[in-house]
Amino acid sequence: MRVVADIPNPHVKITLHSYNNKYILKLEKANLEQIYKIEETEVMGDEGAKALLDEEFIEAVVNRFQDMRDAFVSTVRRNN
């Protein structure tokens, strides 16, 4: 897997990878991560993949991270 770019963002760490004719967007916050696989044919090169990272998408990602964290904290509390 080849790192194409580290994309600056104040809310999450974003890394764009290339592997097996796919772009892989890896978004990380604390100990959580989300991965999106995109066929290279679905976007126009590296810049097309980066263009997917609009404000609305990032907001949804950040909200999903909050949901993920809440679910994890809940299960830890129930099971410890």
N, C-alpha and C. Protein backbone atom coordinates (compact mmCIF):
# COMPACT_ATOMS: atom_id res chain seq x y z
N MET A 1 0.86 -1.17 0.00
CA MET A 1 0.00 0.00 0.00
C MET A 1 0.90 1.23 0.00
N ARG A 2 0.60 2.14 -0.90
CA ARG A 2 1.41 3.34 -1.06
C ARG A 2 0.67 4.55 -0.51
N VAL A 3 1.36 5.34 0.31
CA VAL A 3 0.77 6.58 0.81
C VAL A 3 0.84 7.61 -0.31
N VAL A 4 -0.33 8.14 -0.67
CA VAL A 4 -0.40 9.15 -1.72
C VAL A 4 -0.28 10.54 -1.11
N ALA A 5 -0.99 10.74 0.02
CA ALA A 5 -0.96 12.07 0.64
C ALA A 5 -1.44 12.00 2.07
N ASP A 6 -0.87 12.86 2.89
CA ASP A 6 -1.41 13.17 4.21
C ASP A 6 -2.16 14.48 4.01
N ILE A 7 -3.45 14.46 4.32
CA ILE A 7 -4.30 15.61 4.03
C ILE A 7 -4.60 16.35 5.33
N PRO A 8 -4.16 17.58 5.44
CA PRO A 8 -4.37 18.33 6.68
C PRO A 8 -5.85 18.57 6.96
N ASN A 9 -6.22 18.38 8.21
CA ASN A 9 -7.57 18.68 8.66
C ASN A 9 -7.51 18.92 10.16
N PRO A 10 -8.20 19.93 10.67
CA PRO A 10 -8.12 20.23 12.10
C PRO A 10 -8.89 19.24 12.98
N HIS A 11 -9.76 18.42 12.40
CA HIS A 11 -10.63 17.55 13.19
C HIS A 11 -10.19 16.09 13.21
N VAL A 12 -9.63 15.63 12.11
CA VAL A 12 -9.23 14.23 12.00
C VAL A 12 -7.93 14.12 11.21
N LYS A 13 -7.22 13.02 11.41
CA LYS A 13 -6.04 12.74 10.60
C LYS A 13 -6.53 11.99 9.35
N ILE A 14 -6.13 12.48 8.19
CA ILE A 14 -6.58 11.88 6.94
C ILE A 14 -5.35 11.46 6.13
N THR A 15 -5.36 10.19 5.70
CA THR A 15 -4.31 9.68 4.84
C THR A 15 -4.95 9.04 3.62
N LEU A 16 -4.45 9.39 2.45
CA LEU A 16 -4.92 8.79 1.21
C LEU A 16 -3.87 7.78 0.76
N HIS A 17 -4.32 6.55 0.55
CA HIS A 17 -3.44 5.47 0.10
C HIS A 17 -3.89 5.01 -1.28
N SER A 18 -3.01 4.31 -1.97
CA SER A 18 -3.34 3.66 -3.23
C SER A 18 -2.95 2.19 -3.11
N TYR A 19 -3.87 1.29 -3.50
CA TYR A 19 -3.59 -0.14 -3.39
C TYR A 19 -4.56 -0.92 -4.27
N ASN A 20 -4.04 -1.80 -5.09
CA ASN A 20 -4.86 -2.69 -5.92
C ASN A 20 -5.94 -1.95 -6.71
N ASN A 21 -5.56 -0.90 -7.39
CA ASN A 21 -6.50 -0.12 -8.21
C ASN A 21 -7.61 0.53 -7.40
N LYS A 22 -7.33 0.80 -6.14
CA LYS A 22 -8.28 1.49 -5.27
C LYS A 22 -7.56 2.60 -4.54
N TYR A 23 -8.31 3.65 -4.26
CA TYR A 23 -7.86 4.65 -3.30
C TYR A 23 -8.46 4.26 -1.96
N ILE A 24 -7.69 4.38 -0.93
CA ILE A 24 -8.17 4.08 0.42
C ILE A 24 -8.02 5.35 1.24
N LEU A 25 -9.15 5.87 1.68
CA LEU A 25 -9.17 7.04 2.56
C LEU A 25 -9.22 6.53 3.99
N LYS A 26 -8.21 6.85 4.76
CA LYS A 26 -8.15 6.44 6.16
C LYS A 26 -8.28 7.69 7.01
N LEU A 27 -9.32 7.72 7.84
CA LEU A 27 -9.56 8.86 8.72
C LEU A 27 -9.44 8.37 10.16
N GLU A 28 -8.67 9.07 10.97
CA GLU A 28 -8.40 8.66 12.35
C GLU A 28 -8.69 9.78 13.32
N LYS A 29 -9.22 9.38 14.47
CA LYS A 29 -9.40 10.31 15.59
C LYS A 29 -9.23 9.50 16.86
N ALA A 30 -8.26 9.91 17.67
CA ALA A 30 -7.92 9.18 18.91
C ALA A 30 -7.65 7.71 18.55
N ASN A 31 -8.34 6.78 19.19
CA ASN A 31 -8.08 5.36 18.94
C ASN A 31 -9.11 4.74 17.98
N LEU A 32 -9.78 5.57 17.20
CA LEU A 32 -10.79 5.10 16.25
C LEU A 32 -10.35 5.41 14.83
N GLU A 33 -10.85 4.62 13.87
CA GLU A 33 -10.56 4.92 12.47
C GLU A 33 -11.73 4.50 11.59
N GLN A 34 -11.85 5.20 10.48
CA GLN A 34 -12.82 4.88 9.44
C GLN A 34 -12.03 4.74 8.14
N ILE A 35 -12.40 3.74 7.35
CA ILE A 35 -11.72 3.51 6.08
C ILE A 35 -12.77 3.43 4.97
N TYR A 36 -12.49 4.15 3.90
CA TYR A 36 -13.35 4.16 2.72
C TYR A 36 -12.51 3.73 1.53
N LYS A 37 -13.00 2.72 0.80
CA LYS A 37 -12.31 2.22 -0.39
C LYS A 37 -13.04 2.71 -1.62
N ILE A 38 -12.29 3.30 -2.54
CA ILE A 38 -12.86 3.90 -3.74
C ILE A 38 -12.14 3.34 -4.96
N GLU A 39 -12.89 2.79 -5.89
CA GLU A 39 -12.28 2.32 -7.13
C GLU A 39 -11.62 3.50 -7.84
N GLU A 40 -10.43 3.31 -8.35
CA GLU A 40 -9.73 4.38 -9.06
C GLU A 40 -10.55 4.91 -10.24
N THR A 41 -11.38 4.06 -10.82
CA THR A 41 -12.19 4.47 -11.97
C THR A 41 -13.36 5.38 -11.57
N GLU A 42 -13.66 5.47 -10.26
CA GLU A 42 -14.77 6.30 -9.79
C GLU A 42 -14.39 7.77 -9.61
N VAL A 43 -13.10 8.06 -9.58
CA VAL A 43 -12.63 9.43 -9.38
C VAL A 43 -11.57 9.77 -10.41
N MET A 44 -11.31 11.04 -10.56
CA MET A 44 -10.31 11.50 -11.52
C MET A 44 -8.96 11.68 -10.82
N GLY A 45 -8.27 10.59 -10.58
CA GLY A 45 -6.93 10.64 -9.99
C GLY A 45 -6.93 11.04 -8.53
N ASP A 46 -5.72 11.34 -8.04
CA ASP A 46 -5.52 11.71 -6.64
C ASP A 46 -6.38 12.91 -6.25
N GLU A 47 -6.42 13.90 -7.13
CA GLU A 47 -7.18 15.11 -6.82
C GLU A 47 -8.68 14.82 -6.74
N GLY A 48 -9.16 13.91 -7.56
CA GLY A 48 -10.57 13.52 -7.50
C GLY A 48 -10.91 12.84 -6.18
N ALA A 49 -9.99 12.02 -5.69
CA ALA A 49 -10.20 11.36 -4.40
C ALA A 49 -10.20 12.40 -3.28
N LYS A 50 -9.28 13.35 -3.34
CA LYS A 50 -9.21 14.40 -2.32
C LYS A 50 -10.45 15.27 -2.34
N ALA A 51 -11.03 15.48 -3.52
CA ALA A 51 -12.21 16.34 -3.65
C ALA A 51 -13.42 15.77 -2.91
N LEU A 52 -13.41 14.48 -2.64
CA LEU A 52 -14.51 13.87 -1.90
C LEU A 52 -14.58 14.36 -0.46
N LEU A 53 -13.49 14.93 0.02
CA LEU A 53 -13.39 15.35 1.42
C LEU A 53 -13.97 16.75 1.63
N ASP A 54 -15.20 16.93 1.22
CA ASP A 54 -15.83 18.24 1.40
C ASP A 54 -16.32 18.41 2.84
N GLU A 55 -16.76 19.61 3.14
CA GLU A 55 -17.16 19.95 4.51
C GLU A 55 -18.28 19.04 5.04
N GLU A 56 -19.26 18.74 4.20
CA GLU A 56 -20.38 17.90 4.62
C GLU A 56 -19.91 16.48 4.96
N PHE A 57 -18.99 15.94 4.15
CA PHE A 57 -18.47 14.60 4.42
C PHE A 57 -17.68 14.58 5.72
N ILE A 58 -16.81 15.56 5.92
CA ILE A 58 -16.00 15.61 7.14
C ILE A 58 -16.91 15.74 8.36
N GLU A 59 -17.95 16.54 8.28
CA GLU A 59 -18.89 16.68 9.39
C GLU A 59 -19.54 15.34 9.71
N ALA A 60 -19.94 14.59 8.70
CA ALA A 60 -20.54 13.27 8.91
C ALA A 60 -19.53 12.32 9.55
N VAL A 61 -18.28 12.38 9.10
CA VAL A 61 -17.22 11.54 9.67
C VAL A 61 -17.01 11.85 11.15
N VAL A 62 -16.93 13.13 11.48
CA VAL A 62 -16.73 13.54 12.87
C VAL A 62 -17.90 13.07 13.73
N ASN A 63 -19.12 13.21 13.23
CA ASN A 63 -20.31 12.73 13.97
C ASN A 63 -20.26 11.22 14.16
N ARG A 64 -19.83 10.50 13.13
CA ARG A 64 -19.73 9.05 13.22
C ARG A 64 -18.67 8.66 14.25
N PHE A 65 -17.57 9.40 14.31
CA PHE A 65 -16.56 9.13 15.34
C PHE A 65 -17.17 9.30 16.73
N GLN A 66 -17.98 10.32 16.92
CA GLN A 66 -18.62 10.53 18.22
C GLN A 66 -19.54 9.35 18.56
N ASP A 67 -20.32 8.89 17.57
CA ASP A 67 -21.18 7.73 17.78
C ASP A 67 -20.37 6.48 18.12
N MET A 68 -19.26 6.30 17.41
CA MET A 68 -18.39 5.15 17.67
C MET A 68 -17.84 5.20 19.09
N ARG A 69 -17.38 6.38 19.50
CA ARG A 69 -16.83 6.54 20.85
C ARG A 69 -17.90 6.27 21.89
N ASP A 70 -19.10 6.82 21.69
CA ASP A 70 -20.20 6.61 22.64
C ASP A 70 -20.54 5.12 22.77
N ALA A 71 -20.59 4.42 21.65
CA ALA A 71 -20.90 2.99 21.67
C ALA A 71 -19.82 2.21 22.42
N PHE A 72 -18.56 2.59 22.18
CA PHE A 72 -17.47 1.89 22.85
C PHE A 72 -17.47 2.15 24.35
N VAL A 73 -17.64 3.40 24.75
CA VAL A 73 -17.69 3.74 26.18
C VAL A 73 -18.84 3.00 26.85
N SER A 74 -19.98 2.93 26.18
CA SER A 74 -21.14 2.22 26.74
C SER A 74 -20.86 0.74 26.96
N THR A 75 -20.24 0.10 25.99
CA THR A 75 -19.97 -1.33 26.15
C THR A 75 -18.92 -1.59 27.23
N VAL A 76 -17.94 -0.69 27.34
CA VAL A 76 -16.94 -0.84 28.41
C VAL A 76 -17.62 -0.72 29.77
N ARG A 77 -18.50 0.24 29.90
CA ARG A 77 -19.21 0.42 31.18
C ARG A 77 -20.08 -0.78 31.51
N ARG A 78 -20.75 -1.33 30.52
CA ARG A 78 -21.63 -2.49 30.77
C ARG A 78 -20.85 -3.74 31.10
N ASN A 79 -19.66 -3.86 30.57
CA ASN A 79 -18.96 -5.14 30.65
C ASN A 79 -17.70 -5.13 31.52
N ASN A 80 -17.49 -4.08 32.27
CA ASN A 80 -16.33 -4.06 33.18
C ASN A 80 -16.78 -4.01 34.60
